[in-house]
Amino acid sequence: MTEPLTIEAIQQRLCEEIQTLLSLKSGSITPETSLQSLGMDSLRLVSLLIVIEKVFGISLIKTGLTRQSLASVRSLAAAIHAGLHP
């Protein structure tokens, strides 16, 4: 059996995926980074949700994603963690 993902591991993976999606240099995003400050438009947000579905195997829309969940990398990671461990 595999170990459940920690919020910290989810945050790290999200930072990496967002950096790739937005073509940012490594280390430029932290868990405290506001997604709005990154200029995430609706198209990029949908792209991020698709990446999350592929990487973590969960549909955040079905788990009750809220505007608050999208406030920062940390809050998005918490939503993913909650979806993985209902």
Protein backbone atom coordinates (compact mmCIF):
# COMPACT_ATOMS: atom_id res chain seq x y z
CA MET A 1 0.00 0.00 0.00
CA THR A 2 1.31 3.46 -0.87
CA GLU A 3 1.61 6.20 1.71
CA PRO A 4 -1.06 8.92 1.55
CA LEU A 5 0.19 12.21 0.13
CA THR A 6 0.88 14.89 2.71
CA ILE A 7 -0.30 18.44 2.20
CA GLU A 8 3.36 19.47 1.94
CA ALA A 9 3.97 16.97 -0.89
CA ILE A 10 0.84 18.19 -2.67
CA GLN A 11 1.96 21.83 -2.27
CA GLN A 12 5.38 21.04 -3.72
CA ARG A 13 3.90 19.22 -6.72
CA LEU A 14 1.39 22.04 -7.30
CA CYS A 15 4.18 24.62 -7.27
CA GLU A 16 6.07 22.59 -9.86
CA GLU A 17 3.01 22.08 -12.07
CA ILE A 18 2.00 25.76 -11.93
CA GLN A 19 5.55 26.87 -12.74
CA THR A 20 5.50 24.58 -15.77
CA LEU A 21 2.03 25.71 -16.84
CA LEU A 22 2.98 29.39 -16.62
CA SER A 23 6.56 28.95 -17.88
CA LEU A 24 8.04 30.34 -14.65
CA LYS A 25 11.47 29.55 -13.26
CA SER A 26 11.85 26.84 -10.63
CA GLY A 27 11.35 28.10 -7.09
CA SER A 28 9.34 31.15 -8.14
CA ILE A 29 6.14 29.86 -6.54
CA THR A 30 5.64 29.00 -2.86
CA PRO A 31 2.64 27.64 -0.96
CA GLU A 32 1.77 31.21 0.04
CA THR A 33 1.64 32.40 -3.56
CA SER A 34 -1.74 33.80 -4.53
CA LEU A 35 -3.06 32.27 -7.74
CA GLN A 36 -4.59 35.62 -8.63
CA SER A 37 -1.16 37.30 -8.37
CA LEU A 38 0.06 34.90 -11.06
CA GLY A 39 -2.48 36.21 -13.55
CA MET A 40 -4.33 32.89 -13.78
CA ASP A 41 -7.08 33.46 -16.32
CA SER A 42 -9.99 31.04 -16.75
CA LEU A 43 -8.24 29.08 -19.50
CA ARG A 44 -5.13 28.53 -17.42
CA LEU A 45 -7.26 27.63 -14.41
CA VAL A 46 -9.05 24.95 -16.44
CA SER A 47 -5.66 23.70 -17.64
CA LEU A 48 -4.49 23.52 -14.02
CA LEU A 49 -7.62 21.58 -13.02
CA ILE A 50 -6.93 19.10 -15.82
CA VAL A 51 -3.35 18.68 -14.59
CA ILE A 52 -4.64 18.14 -11.04
CA GLU A 53 -7.04 15.46 -12.27
CA LYS A 54 -4.22 13.66 -14.09
CA VAL A 55 -1.58 13.98 -11.38
CA PHE A 56 -3.73 13.34 -8.31
CA GLY A 57 -6.57 11.33 -9.85
CA ILE A 58 -9.31 13.54 -8.43
CA SER A 59 -11.91 15.91 -9.82
CA LEU A 60 -11.93 19.03 -7.68
CA ILE A 61 -15.17 20.22 -9.25
CA LYS A 62 -16.89 17.13 -7.88
CA THR A 63 -15.35 17.61 -4.42
CA GLY A 64 -16.82 21.08 -3.95
CA LEU A 65 -14.09 23.43 -5.15
CA THR A 66 -14.76 26.95 -3.88
CA ARG A 67 -13.38 30.40 -4.62
CA GLN A 68 -11.56 30.21 -1.27
CA SER A 69 -9.88 26.99 -2.43
CA LEU A 70 -8.28 28.99 -5.24
CA ALA A 71 -6.87 31.74 -3.01
CA SER A 72 -3.36 30.28 -2.84
CA VAL A 73 -1.31 27.21 -3.59
CA ARG A 74 -1.70 26.23 0.08
CA SER A 75 -5.51 26.43 0.01
CA LEU A 76 -5.66 24.53 -3.28
CA ALA A 77 -3.40 21.84 -1.82
CA ALA A 78 -5.73 21.58 1.19
CA ALA A 79 -8.70 21.10 -1.15
CA ILE A 80 -6.83 18.37 -3.04
CA HIS A 81 -5.83 16.68 0.23
CA ALA A 82 -9.44 16.79 1.45
CA GLY A 83 -10.62 15.31 -1.84
CA LEU A 84 -8.09 12.49 -1.60
CA HIS A 85 -8.99 11.75 2.02
CA PRO A 86 -12.74 12.36 2.40
